[in-house]
Protein backbone atom coordinates (compact mmCIF):
# COMPACT_ATOMS: atom_id res chain seq x y z
CA MET A 1 280.98 182.38 4.73
CA LEU A 2 281.08 182.29 0.92
CA GLY A 3 278.59 179.43 0.92
CA LEU A 4 276.25 181.37 3.21
CA ILE A 5 276.45 184.39 0.88
CA GLY A 6 275.45 182.07 -1.97
CA VAL A 7 272.43 180.80 -0.02
CA LEU A 8 271.27 184.35 0.78
CA LEU A 9 271.85 185.46 -2.81
CA ALA A 10 269.85 182.50 -4.14
CA LEU A 11 266.97 183.28 -1.79
CA GLY A 12 267.05 186.97 -2.68
CA LEU A 13 267.00 186.24 -6.41
CA LEU A 14 264.09 183.82 -6.02
CA ILE A 15 262.01 186.40 -4.13
CA PHE A 16 262.85 189.30 -6.43
CA LEU A 17 262.37 187.48 -9.73
CA ALA A 18 259.20 185.67 -8.59
CA TYR A 19 257.75 189.03 -7.60
CA ARG A 20 258.62 190.33 -11.07
CA GLY A 21 256.52 187.56 -12.58
CA PHE A 22 259.09 184.95 -13.61
CA SER A 23 257.92 181.34 -13.21
CA VAL A 24 259.37 179.33 -10.32
CA LEU A 25 259.41 176.30 -12.63
CA TYR A 26 262.77 177.49 -13.95
CA LEU A 27 263.59 180.10 -11.31
CA ALA A 28 263.86 177.55 -8.51
CA PRO A 29 266.55 175.33 -10.03
CA ILE A 30 268.49 178.23 -11.57
CA THR A 31 268.61 180.29 -8.37
CA ALA A 32 269.36 177.22 -6.24
CA LEU A 33 272.34 176.43 -8.47
CA VAL A 34 273.70 179.88 -7.65
CA ALA A 35 274.11 178.67 -4.08
CA VAL A 36 275.66 175.45 -5.38
CA ALA A 37 278.20 177.42 -7.43
CA PHE A 38 279.20 179.52 -4.42
CA ALA A 39 279.67 176.32 -2.43
CA GLY A 40 281.90 174.84 -5.11
CA LEU A 41 279.70 171.78 -5.66
CA PRO A 42 278.99 170.09 -9.03
CA LEU A 43 276.10 171.83 -10.78
CA VAL A 44 274.66 169.15 -13.07
CA ALA A 45 274.97 166.37 -10.51
CA THR A 46 273.22 168.49 -7.89
CA TYR A 47 270.40 169.24 -10.32
CA THR A 48 269.82 165.64 -11.46
CA GLN A 49 270.58 163.82 -8.19
CA ILE A 50 269.13 166.21 -5.59
CA PHE A 51 266.71 168.65 -7.22
CA MET A 52 264.83 166.24 -9.48
CA PRO A 53 264.40 163.42 -6.90
CA ALA A 54 262.95 165.95 -4.44
CA VAL A 55 260.56 167.22 -7.12
CA GLY A 56 259.53 163.69 -8.01
CA LYS A 57 258.98 162.62 -4.42
CA TYR A 58 256.70 165.59 -3.78
CA ILE A 59 254.63 164.95 -6.92
CA ILE A 60 254.34 161.23 -6.12
CA THR A 61 253.07 162.01 -2.63
CA TYR A 62 250.66 164.88 -3.27
CA PHE A 63 249.56 164.70 -6.90
CA PRO A 64 246.23 162.93 -6.10
CA VAL A 65 245.32 165.72 -3.66
CA PHE A 66 246.16 168.45 -6.17
CA ALA A 67 244.42 166.69 -9.07
CA LEU A 68 241.20 165.78 -7.28
CA GLY A 69 241.10 169.14 -5.54
CA ALA A 70 241.39 170.97 -8.86
CA ILE A 71 238.75 168.76 -10.50
CA PHE A 72 236.38 169.20 -7.57
CA GLY A 73 236.82 172.96 -7.65
CA LYS A 74 236.17 173.05 -11.40
CA LEU A 75 233.03 170.94 -11.02
CA MET A 76 231.72 173.14 -8.21
CA SER A 77 232.32 176.19 -10.38
CA ASP A 78 230.89 174.83 -13.65
CA THR A 79 227.78 173.34 -12.05
CA GLY A 80 227.02 176.70 -10.47
CA PHE A 81 227.09 175.22 -6.95
CA ALA A 82 229.87 177.58 -5.81
CA LYS A 83 227.92 180.62 -7.01
CA ALA A 84 224.67 179.29 -5.53
CA ILE A 85 226.27 178.89 -2.09
CA ALA A 86 227.70 182.42 -2.23
CA LEU A 87 224.35 183.89 -3.29
CA TRP A 88 222.55 181.99 -0.54
CA ILE A 89 224.90 183.53 2.03
CA VAL A 90 224.33 186.97 0.52
CA ASN A 91 220.55 186.56 0.68
CA THR A 92 220.78 185.30 4.26
CA ILE A 93 223.10 187.97 5.60
CA GLY A 94 222.18 190.83 3.30
CA ALA A 95 224.24 192.59 0.66
CA LYS A 96 224.76 195.58 2.97
CA ARG A 97 227.01 193.28 5.02
CA ALA A 98 229.09 192.66 1.94
CA ILE A 99 232.37 192.15 3.79
CA LEU A 100 231.01 189.52 6.17
CA ALA A 101 229.11 187.77 3.36
CA THR A 102 232.26 187.64 1.23
CA ILE A 103 234.39 186.25 4.06
CA LEU A 104 231.83 183.54 4.91
CA SER A 105 231.31 182.58 1.28
CA GLY A 106 235.02 182.09 0.71
CA ALA A 107 235.38 180.21 4.00
CA ILE A 108 232.60 177.71 3.31
CA LEU A 109 233.81 176.98 -0.21
CA THR A 110 237.48 176.48 0.72
CA TYR A 111 236.67 174.43 3.82
CA GLY A 112 234.71 172.17 1.52
CA GLY A 113 237.68 171.62 -0.77
CA VAL A 114 237.37 174.32 -3.44
CA SER A 115 240.78 175.91 -4.11
CA VAL A 116 241.51 179.56 -3.44
CA PHE A 117 241.99 180.19 -7.18
CA VAL A 118 238.61 178.70 -8.10
CA VAL A 119 236.89 180.60 -5.29
CA SER A 120 238.47 183.82 -6.52
CA PHE A 121 236.96 183.45 -9.99
CA ALA A 122 233.58 182.22 -8.73
CA LEU A 123 233.16 184.70 -5.89
CA PHE A 124 234.48 187.95 -7.34
CA PRO A 125 231.48 188.77 -9.59
CA ILE A 126 229.12 188.34 -6.62
CA ALA A 127 231.31 190.18 -4.12
CA ASN A 128 231.84 192.96 -6.63
CA GLN A 129 228.09 193.46 -7.03
CA MET A 130 227.61 193.55 -3.25
CA PHE A 131 230.38 196.09 -2.71
CA ARG A 132 229.02 198.27 -5.52
CA ALA A 133 225.45 198.12 -4.17
CA ALA A 134 226.60 198.99 -0.64
CA ASP A 135 229.04 201.63 -2.01
CA ILE A 136 231.94 200.05 -0.08
CA PRO A 137 235.39 200.91 -1.52
CA LYS A 138 236.34 198.30 -4.07
CA ARG A 139 239.92 198.21 -2.76
CA LEU A 140 238.64 196.02 0.12
CA VAL A 141 237.19 193.28 -2.12
CA ALA A 142 240.46 191.34 -2.45
CA ALA A 143 241.21 191.43 1.26
CA SER A 144 237.69 190.28 2.11
CA MET A 145 237.93 187.36 -0.31
CA LEU A 146 241.34 186.29 0.94
CA ALA A 147 240.31 186.62 4.60
CA GLY A 148 237.75 183.88 4.05
CA ALA A 149 239.43 181.72 1.43
CA GLY A 150 243.13 181.94 2.24
CA THR A 151 243.55 182.02 6.01
CA PHE A 152 241.75 180.03 8.70
CA THR A 153 240.05 177.52 6.39
CA MET A 154 243.35 176.86 4.65
CA THR A 155 245.46 176.09 7.70
CA ALA A 156 243.66 176.24 11.04
CA LEU A 157 240.31 174.47 10.94
CA PRO A 158 240.57 170.72 11.52
CA GLY A 159 239.56 168.57 8.58
CA THR A 160 240.19 171.10 5.84
CA PRO A 161 241.26 169.24 2.68
CA ALA A 162 243.70 172.01 1.74
CA ILE A 163 247.16 170.75 0.79
CA GLN A 164 248.62 172.81 3.64
CA ASN A 165 246.74 170.56 6.07
CA ALA A 166 247.86 167.36 4.34
CA ILE A 167 251.61 168.02 4.14
CA PRO A 168 252.46 167.62 7.88
CA GLY A 169 250.74 164.22 8.12
CA PRO A 170 253.52 161.97 6.76
CA PHE A 171 256.13 163.75 8.90
CA PHE A 172 254.27 163.61 12.21
CA GLY A 173 252.04 160.55 11.69
CA THR A 174 248.89 162.68 11.98
CA ASN A 175 245.76 163.38 9.95
CA ALA A 176 243.77 166.41 8.83
CA PHE A 177 241.89 166.63 12.14
CA ALA A 178 245.02 167.04 14.25
CA ALA A 179 244.72 169.31 17.33
CA PRO A 180 241.10 170.34 16.66
CA VAL A 181 240.64 172.64 19.67
CA PHE A 182 243.89 174.51 18.98
CA GLY A 183 242.93 174.92 15.33
CA ILE A 184 239.35 176.02 15.97
CA VAL A 185 240.36 178.64 18.54
CA CYS A 186 243.07 180.01 16.26
CA GLY A 187 240.69 179.98 13.30
CA LEU A 188 237.97 181.85 15.17
CA LEU A 189 240.50 184.46 16.24
CA MET A 190 241.63 184.97 12.64
CA PHE A 191 238.02 185.30 11.49
CA ALA A 192 237.11 187.77 14.23
CA LEU A 193 240.18 189.98 13.81
CA ALA A 194 239.87 190.06 10.01
CA SER A 195 236.17 190.95 10.22
CA VAL A 196 236.82 193.72 12.72
CA TRP A 197 239.73 195.12 10.72
CA LEU A 198 237.91 195.19 7.39
CA GLY A 199 234.76 196.60 8.97
CA TRP A 200 236.79 199.38 10.60
CA ARG A 201 238.62 200.11 7.36
CA ALA A 202 235.37 200.33 5.42
CA LYS A 203 233.89 202.79 7.90
CA LYS A 204 237.04 204.90 7.91
CA LEU A 205 237.29 205.07 4.12
CA MET A 206 233.60 205.76 3.65
CA ALA A 207 233.67 208.46 6.35
CA ALA A 208 236.45 210.10 4.37
CA GLY A 209 234.15 210.17 1.34
CA GLU A 210 235.48 207.17 -0.56
CA GLY A 211 232.90 204.90 -2.15
CA TYR A 212 233.01 202.02 -4.59
CA GLN A 213 233.67 204.16 -7.67
CA ASP A 214 236.30 206.25 -5.90
CA SER A 215 238.77 203.36 -5.65
CA ASN A 216 239.99 204.24 -9.17
CA THR A 217 240.43 200.61 -10.21
CA ARG A 218 240.62 198.90 -13.56
CA PRO A 219 237.94 196.37 -14.58
CA GLY A 220 238.35 192.99 -12.95
CA PHE A 221 237.53 189.47 -14.10
CA GLY A 222 234.17 189.35 -15.88
CA GLU A 223 233.76 193.09 -15.49
CA THR A 224 234.05 195.76 -18.17
CA ASP A 225 233.72 199.50 -18.21
CA GLN A 226 230.54 199.11 -20.23
CA ALA A 227 229.17 196.71 -17.65
CA GLU A 228 229.96 199.26 -14.95
CA GLN A 229 227.88 201.83 -16.79
CA ASN A 230 224.99 199.67 -17.96
CA ASN A 231 224.56 197.08 -15.21
CA GLY A 232 220.91 197.34 -14.29
CA ASP A 233 221.52 195.62 -10.97
CA THR A 234 224.00 198.23 -9.82
CA GLY A 235 221.52 200.53 -8.19
CA THR A 236 220.18 200.33 -4.71
CA SER A 237 218.39 197.02 -4.80
CA SER A 238 220.75 194.23 -3.79
CA GLY A 239 217.81 191.87 -3.61
CA ALA A 240 217.17 192.34 -7.32
CA THR A 241 220.80 191.56 -8.01
CA THR A 242 220.83 188.29 -6.16
CA SER A 243 217.43 187.08 -7.24
CA ALA A 244 218.20 187.78 -10.89
CA VAL A 245 221.28 185.62 -10.75
CA THR A 246 219.76 182.99 -8.47
CA GLN A 247 217.29 182.05 -11.18
CA LYS A 248 220.21 180.77 -13.26
CA THR A 249 221.92 178.83 -10.48
CA PRO A 250 221.11 175.45 -8.85
CA ASN A 251 219.82 174.96 -5.32
CA ALA A 252 222.36 176.11 -2.73
CA MET A 253 221.41 173.37 -0.26
CA LEU A 254 222.22 170.77 -2.89
CA GLY A 255 225.51 172.54 -3.50
CA LEU A 256 226.42 172.18 0.18
CA VAL A 257 226.14 168.39 0.02
CA PRO A 258 229.48 167.83 -1.79
CA ILE A 259 231.19 169.98 0.83
CA LEU A 260 229.63 167.89 3.61
CA ILE A 261 230.73 164.74 1.81
CA VAL A 262 234.34 165.94 1.89
CA ILE A 263 234.22 166.75 5.61
CA VAL A 264 232.20 163.74 6.82
CA THR A 265 234.03 161.17 4.68
CA ASN A 266 237.41 162.51 5.71
CA PHE A 267 236.51 162.43 9.41
CA SER A 268 234.89 158.99 9.25
CA LEU A 269 237.87 157.40 7.54
CA VAL A 270 240.52 158.64 9.98
CA THR A 271 238.35 158.21 13.07
CA TRP A 272 236.53 154.91 12.56
CA VAL A 273 237.22 153.17 9.26
CA PHE A 274 241.02 153.09 9.08
CA PRO A 275 241.53 152.18 12.78
CA ALA A 276 239.24 149.16 12.30
CA MET A 277 241.15 147.82 9.28
CA ASP A 278 244.27 145.68 9.05
CA PHE A 279 247.07 147.42 7.15
CA ALA A 280 249.85 144.97 7.93
CA TYR A 281 250.53 144.61 4.21
CA LEU A 282 251.91 148.15 4.17
CA GLN A 283 255.04 146.78 5.86
CA GLU A 284 255.88 144.83 2.73
CA GLU A 285 258.57 146.09 0.37
CA THR A 286 255.99 146.31 -2.42
CA TYR A 287 254.09 149.03 -0.52
CA GLY A 288 257.11 150.97 0.64
CA LYS A 289 257.48 149.55 4.17
CA THR A 290 255.27 152.22 5.65
CA ASP A 291 252.28 152.29 8.01
CA ILE A 292 248.80 153.79 8.00
CA SER A 293 249.79 156.63 10.34
CA LYS A 294 252.03 158.04 7.60
CA VAL A 295 249.66 157.67 4.67
CA GLY A 296 246.18 157.56 6.21
CA GLY A 297 245.73 161.34 6.35
CA ILE A 298 246.38 161.78 2.64
CA TRP A 299 244.34 158.67 1.76
CA ALA A 300 241.35 160.08 3.62
CA ILE A 301 241.48 163.42 1.80
CA VAL A 302 241.88 161.73 -1.59
CA ILE A 303 238.95 159.36 -1.02
CA ALA A 304 236.74 162.17 0.33
CA LEU A 305 237.44 164.39 -2.67
CA PHE A 306 236.84 161.47 -5.06
CA PHE A 307 233.35 160.78 -3.68
CA ALA A 308 232.56 164.49 -3.63
CA CYS A 309 233.50 164.69 -7.32
CA LEU A 310 231.27 161.71 -8.14
CA PHE A 311 228.31 163.24 -6.32
CA THR A 312 228.83 166.64 -7.93
CA LEU A 313 228.91 165.05 -11.37
CA ALA A 314 225.87 162.90 -10.69
CA VAL A 315 223.59 165.71 -9.50
CA GLY A 316 225.09 168.69 -11.34
CA TRP A 317 225.81 167.45 -14.85
CA ARG A 318 222.63 169.01 -16.23
CA HIS A 319 223.87 172.43 -15.12
CA MET A 320 227.17 172.01 -16.99
CA LYS A 321 227.87 172.87 -20.60
CA ASP A 322 230.32 170.01 -21.08
CA ALA A 323 231.12 167.64 -18.21
CA LYS A 324 234.03 166.05 -20.05
CA GLU A 325 235.60 169.43 -20.71
CA SER A 326 235.20 170.41 -17.05
CA LEU A 327 236.95 167.24 -15.95
CA ASN A 328 239.73 167.75 -18.46
CA GLN A 329 240.24 171.39 -17.51
CA GLY A 330 240.22 170.53 -13.81
CA ALA A 331 242.85 167.84 -14.26
CA THR A 332 244.99 170.06 -16.47
CA GLY A 333 244.59 172.94 -14.05
CA SER A 334 246.28 170.94 -11.30
CA MET A 335 249.53 170.62 -13.24
CA LEU A 336 250.96 174.12 -12.87
CA PRO A 337 250.26 174.44 -9.11
CA ILE A 338 251.84 171.10 -8.20
CA PHE A 339 254.87 171.58 -10.45
CA ASN A 340 255.38 175.11 -9.11
CA THR A 341 255.28 173.86 -5.53
CA ALA A 342 257.41 170.80 -6.31
CA SER A 343 259.98 173.05 -7.95
CA GLU A 344 260.14 175.12 -4.77
CA VAL A 345 260.60 171.91 -2.79
CA GLY A 346 263.48 171.00 -5.09
CA PHE A 347 264.95 174.44 -4.40
CA GLY A 348 264.79 173.70 -0.69
CA ALA A 349 266.42 170.32 -1.15
CA ILE A 350 269.39 171.89 -2.94
CA ILE A 351 269.76 174.63 -0.33
CA ALA A 352 269.64 171.98 2.41
CA SER A 353 272.44 170.05 0.67
CA VAL A 354 274.81 173.02 0.73
CA PRO A 355 277.22 172.84 3.71
CA ALA A 356 276.43 176.43 4.68
CA PHE A 357 272.81 175.46 5.33
CA SER A 358 273.94 173.87 8.59
CA ILE A 359 274.40 177.42 9.90
CA VAL A 360 270.78 178.25 9.09
CA ARG A 361 269.52 174.93 10.47
CA ASP A 362 271.44 175.29 13.73
CA ALA A 363 270.25 178.89 14.12
CA VAL A 364 266.62 177.86 13.70
CA LEU A 365 266.84 174.82 15.96
CA SER A 366 268.62 176.83 18.64
CA ILE A 367 265.85 179.40 18.98
CA PRO A 368 265.31 179.49 22.74
CA GLY A 369 262.14 178.13 24.29
CA ASN A 370 259.75 175.44 23.20
CA PRO A 371 260.34 173.62 19.86
CA LEU A 372 256.89 174.78 18.79
CA ILE A 373 258.15 178.36 18.75
CA SER A 374 261.15 177.40 16.63
CA LEU A 375 258.90 175.44 14.26
CA ALA A 376 256.49 178.36 13.86
CA VAL A 377 259.34 180.78 13.10
CA ALA A 378 261.07 178.43 10.66
CA ILE A 379 257.94 177.62 8.63
CA ASN A 380 256.87 181.27 8.53
CA VAL A 381 260.26 182.42 7.26
CA LEU A 382 260.49 179.70 4.62
CA ALA A 383 256.93 180.35 3.45
CA GLY A 384 257.79 184.03 3.13
CA ILE A 385 260.97 183.31 1.19
CA THR A 386 259.23 181.05 -1.31
CA GLY A 387 255.96 183.02 -1.40
CA SER A 388 254.13 179.74 -0.91
CA ALA A 389 252.51 178.18 2.16
CA SER A 390 252.80 174.64 0.84
CA GLY A 391 256.25 175.22 -0.65
CA GLY A 392 257.68 176.79 2.49
CA MET A 393 256.24 174.13 4.77
CA SER A 394 257.43 171.32 2.50
CA ILE A 395 260.95 172.72 2.46
CA GLY A 396 260.93 173.13 6.24
CA LEU A 397 259.60 169.67 7.02
CA GLU A 398 261.69 167.89 4.38
CA THR A 399 264.86 169.36 5.85
CA LEU A 400 263.97 169.74 9.54
CA GLY A 401 260.88 167.57 10.11
CA ALA A 402 262.76 164.64 11.66
CA ASP A 403 264.65 167.02 13.96
CA TYR A 404 261.45 168.68 15.15
CA LEU A 405 259.71 165.37 15.72
CA ALA A 406 262.65 164.22 17.85
CA LEU A 407 262.60 167.49 19.82
CA ALA A 408 258.85 167.15 20.33
CA GLN A 409 259.22 163.61 21.64
CA GLN A 410 261.95 164.73 24.03
CA ALA A 411 259.79 167.58 25.30
CA GLY A 412 256.63 165.47 25.54
CA ILE A 413 254.83 167.53 22.90
CA SER A 414 251.96 165.96 20.98
CA PRO A 415 252.70 165.41 17.27
CA GLU A 416 249.18 166.71 16.60
CA ILE A 417 250.11 170.11 18.02
CA MET A 418 253.24 170.06 15.86
CA HIS A 419 251.05 169.36 12.82
CA ARG A 420 248.66 172.21 13.54
CA VAL A 421 251.36 174.76 14.37
CA ALA A 422 253.26 173.92 11.17
CA ALA A 423 250.09 174.25 9.07
CA ILE A 424 249.02 177.57 10.61
CA ALA A 425 252.56 178.99 10.46
CA SER A 426 252.68 178.26 6.72
CA GLY A 427 249.77 180.66 6.21
CA GLY A 428 251.48 183.72 7.67
CA MET A 429 254.36 185.21 5.72
CA ASP A 430 253.45 183.17 2.64
CA SER A 431 251.17 186.02 1.51
CA LEU A 432 253.91 188.58 1.00
CA PRO A 433 253.56 190.65 -2.21
CA HIS A 434 255.30 188.06 -4.42
CA ASN A 435 252.81 185.30 -3.52
CA GLY A 436 251.20 183.88 -6.66
CA ALA A 437 247.70 183.68 -5.17
CA VAL A 438 247.87 187.33 -4.09
CA ILE A 439 249.00 188.47 -7.53
CA THR A 440 246.27 186.40 -9.22
CA LEU A 441 243.57 187.64 -6.85
CA LEU A 442 244.46 191.29 -7.37
CA THR A 443 244.42 190.74 -11.14
CA ILE A 444 240.97 189.13 -10.97
CA CYS A 445 239.67 192.03 -8.91
CA GLY A 446 241.20 194.68 -11.14
CA LEU A 447 243.27 196.03 -8.24
CA THR A 448 246.94 196.85 -7.74
CA HIS A 449 249.31 196.15 -4.85
CA ARG A 450 249.42 199.86 -4.12
CA GLN A 451 245.63 200.07 -3.79
CA SER A 452 244.94 196.90 -1.84
CA TYR A 453 247.99 195.15 -0.48
CA ALA A 454 248.01 197.04 2.84
CA ASP A 455 244.69 195.42 3.78
CA VAL A 456 245.56 192.11 2.12
CA GLY A 457 248.76 192.03 4.17
CA VAL A 458 246.94 192.71 7.42
CA VAL A 459 244.32 189.97 6.99
CA SER A 460 246.59 187.33 5.43
CA VAL A 461 249.97 187.97 7.08
CA VAL A 462 249.69 190.05 10.26
CA ILE A 463 246.47 188.56 11.66
CA PRO A 464 247.41 184.88 11.11
CA ILE A 465 250.79 185.48 12.79
CA ILE A 466 249.17 187.31 15.71
CA SER A 467 246.51 184.61 16.09
CA LEU A 468 249.08 181.81 16.12
CA ALA A 469 251.28 183.70 18.60
CA VAL A 470 248.36 184.33 20.97
CA VAL A 471 246.96 180.79 20.91
CA LEU A 472 250.41 179.19 21.02
CA GLY A 473 251.44 181.42 23.91
CA PHE A 474 248.28 180.53 25.83
CA THR A 475 248.87 176.84 25.13
CA LEU A 476 252.46 176.92 26.37
CA VAL A 477 251.73 179.02 29.44
CA PHE A 478 249.03 176.61 30.62
CA GLY A 479 250.92 173.49 29.53
CA LEU A 480 248.30 172.26 27.08
CA VAL A 481 250.75 170.65 24.63
């Protein structure tokens, strides 16, 4: 019982202090060692022999995905391709449909490999102009951006290069296109429900007399009070806004090519190229005695992002101020995200090593019904505890992945369904108020949790959970596993 109290205290401290803004780089090991102390285990040995190896293993496995993803996102931003795509969508749909245009812009960019953080910086100035022109309350900007960039394209749609879609591969022997029908249906449901919710909220707020200026917000990224007063594009002509900026941006169709390269290359490698090749050498000690089913999914994403980066550089360098600086900043920008997530994985490894964790593990694995339900609950809870989709899923699969795979095999459940359920579940409770992406997004938008989190929570927590529950329930009822 004392050990269990230590585990709960460690989790509570991690959530509370992370929400208060302390970095998980040092929070994770310190709070995890609280649980170790309660269990009466050696502190230093646990840190060096359990925490650090778990951190190192995670970085070794996923660093190429983080690094190339960050570089690709930086190149798409600095070439102007990300902005060009967003403006093209705005011109196509119309600025009066600012919510839908914002959701679609974020979705296309993240499905093509641009990180949520990069999309937030690139998309906010455009979304902000649209919301101002349509006089839609600014408090809905953050939720609209996250609905497109941080939900269905992050976890549900097959082929997305997001790290959340790469993590389950080594555990289940799957790739990024696992369970495509399940993922597409769940993704469409998330998109539809988020669009309906935000549209209804906009109408309700505007009917009550609230407009853009009435949200009482502080200036966001790239926006100043003076700009609010003097922006000549702020009036009624959204067309003038977009055309004025479009003149400074590259062709949107050209900007879509790198995104297509990511998707097509990824799909081609896992579907045709890798199956036709001989990877017998992977069984050798030199290459870790593994097989292509465990590494092919990550390989495909890495190669796809690499070629997308090359193409973006080749055709977009003339739009960049300093290509070398963009590459350097992209590479450097990958460091904090991967070390944050790896630190959370180390936290999970320590918690899993504490004897009291067996109580938690047994409780999760004994959830009645199909193992898919237990998996969805476990990943959601862990993602909520850590405030990270990738961190929560990594902890869950590192500690329970082998158990779930065995249960799936016993129940005749496809590993691909396990992959997709784990990925989608990671994108539910991860977006609680202490989530780093949520805090960053609200800061960029010049909004507070009190102003915007209710809608952010609905589109990024409630709707993904409901969508997964509905599609998973339908799948189980009709025996489609």
